[in-house]
């Protein structure tokens, strides 16, 4: 957690994209479903991006999600970073 700026839309979106679905005990549908990681890369990227957009529209309605892309940090070991371009939002 940051000492200041936790309510900023970009920070909230970034935190939500780092949560794996099922990780939050009392809200099991919060997070991104990474079960498609074993699929071919283009298919997996498309499905993960669509799931991330749905999740962000539900849990962070202050932002409008534009493009979502996958950045392969260490693709051989299945490590990707989800990058979302957002517009709008105010500080809570």
Protein backbone atom coordinates (compact mmCIF):
# COMPACT_ATOMS: atom_id res chain seq x y z
CA UNK A 1 0.00 0.00 0.00
CA UNK A 2 1.07 3.52 -0.64
CA UNK A 3 0.90 6.14 2.06
CA UNK A 4 -0.88 8.55 -0.32
CA UNK A 5 -2.75 8.25 -3.60
CA UNK A 6 -4.45 4.90 -3.01
CA UNK A 7 -7.74 6.23 -4.33
CA UNK A 8 -6.39 7.24 -7.73
CA UNK A 9 -8.04 5.41 -10.59
CA UNK A 10 -4.77 4.31 -12.21
CA UNK A 11 -3.52 2.81 -8.94
CA UNK A 12 -6.77 0.93 -8.41
CA UNK A 13 -6.73 -0.44 -11.98
CA UNK A 14 -3.12 -1.51 -11.60
CA UNK A 15 -3.89 -3.33 -8.35
CA UNK A 16 -6.94 -5.08 -9.84
CA UNK A 17 -4.94 -6.33 -12.82
CA UNK A 18 -2.43 -7.98 -10.47
CA UNK A 19 -5.07 -10.07 -8.68
CA UNK A 20 -5.66 -13.62 -9.86
CA UNK A 21 -9.28 -14.78 -9.87
CA UNK A 22 -10.07 -16.70 -6.69
CA UNK A 23 -7.36 -14.98 -4.65
CA UNK A 24 -9.69 -12.68 -2.66
CA UNK A 25 -11.39 -14.79 0.07
CA UNK A 26 -14.86 -13.20 0.19
CA UNK A 27 -15.00 -12.07 -3.44
CA UNK A 28 -13.88 -15.04 -5.53
CA UNK A 29 -14.81 -13.49 -8.87
CA UNK A 30 -12.57 -10.43 -8.39
CA UNK A 31 -9.37 -10.64 -10.43
CA UNK A 32 -8.24 -11.83 -13.83
CA UNK A 33 -8.68 -15.44 -14.96
CA UNK A 34 -5.25 -16.66 -15.98
CA UNK A 35 -6.35 -20.22 -16.81
CA UNK A 36 -5.82 -19.47 -20.53
CA UNK A 37 -2.05 -19.12 -20.13
CA UNK A 38 -1.50 -22.61 -21.60
CA UNK A 39 -3.42 -21.75 -24.78
CA UNK A 40 -1.68 -20.39 -27.90
CA UNK A 41 -0.42 -16.87 -27.20
CA UNK A 42 -2.79 -14.90 -29.50
CA UNK A 43 -5.86 -16.74 -28.21
CA UNK A 44 -4.77 -16.45 -24.58
CA UNK A 45 -4.01 -12.73 -24.92
CA UNK A 46 -7.42 -12.05 -26.46
CA UNK A 47 -9.34 -13.99 -23.81
CA UNK A 48 -7.36 -12.54 -20.89
CA UNK A 49 -7.85 -9.00 -22.26
CA UNK A 50 -11.61 -9.51 -22.60
CA UNK A 51 -11.82 -10.92 -19.07
CA UNK A 52 -9.76 -8.01 -17.70
CA UNK A 53 -12.06 -5.48 -19.40
CA UNK A 54 -15.15 -7.13 -17.89
CA UNK A 55 -13.57 -7.21 -14.45
CA UNK A 56 -12.45 -3.58 -14.60
CA UNK A 57 -15.87 -2.39 -15.75
CA UNK A 58 -17.39 -4.09 -12.73
CA UNK A 59 -14.85 -3.19 -10.03
CA UNK A 60 -13.51 0.16 -11.28
CA UNK A 61 -16.39 1.99 -13.00
CA UNK A 62 -14.57 5.35 -12.72
CA UNK A 63 -12.26 4.41 -15.57
CA UNK A 64 -12.90 3.73 -19.21
CA UNK A 65 -10.64 1.00 -20.48
CA UNK A 66 -9.26 1.50 -23.96
CA UNK A 67 -6.70 -0.99 -25.14
CA UNK A 68 -5.38 -3.91 -23.06
CA UNK A 69 -2.15 -5.57 -24.09
CA UNK A 70 0.07 -8.33 -22.74
CA UNK A 71 3.77 -7.64 -22.22
CA UNK A 72 5.84 -10.86 -22.00
CA UNK A 73 8.28 -10.28 -19.14
CA UNK A 74 9.49 -13.88 -19.12
CA UNK A 75 7.29 -15.72 -21.63
CA UNK A 76 9.18 -19.01 -21.33
CA UNK A 77 8.17 -19.20 -17.69
CA UNK A 78 4.65 -17.85 -18.25
CA UNK A 79 5.23 -14.37 -16.84
CA UNK A 80 3.26 -11.61 -18.51
CA UNK A 81 2.26 -8.11 -17.47
CA UNK A 82 -1.16 -6.79 -18.42
CA UNK A 83 -1.05 -3.17 -19.59
CA UNK A 84 -4.32 -1.24 -19.73
CA UNK A 85 -4.76 2.17 -21.29
CA UNK A 86 -7.43 3.98 -19.30
CA UNK A 87 -9.17 7.34 -19.58
CA UNK A 88 -11.28 9.22 -17.11
CA UNK A 89 -11.52 8.75 -13.41
CA UNK A 90 -11.20 10.97 -10.44
CA UNK A 91 -9.39 10.70 -7.17
CA UNK A 92 -11.60 9.14 -4.52
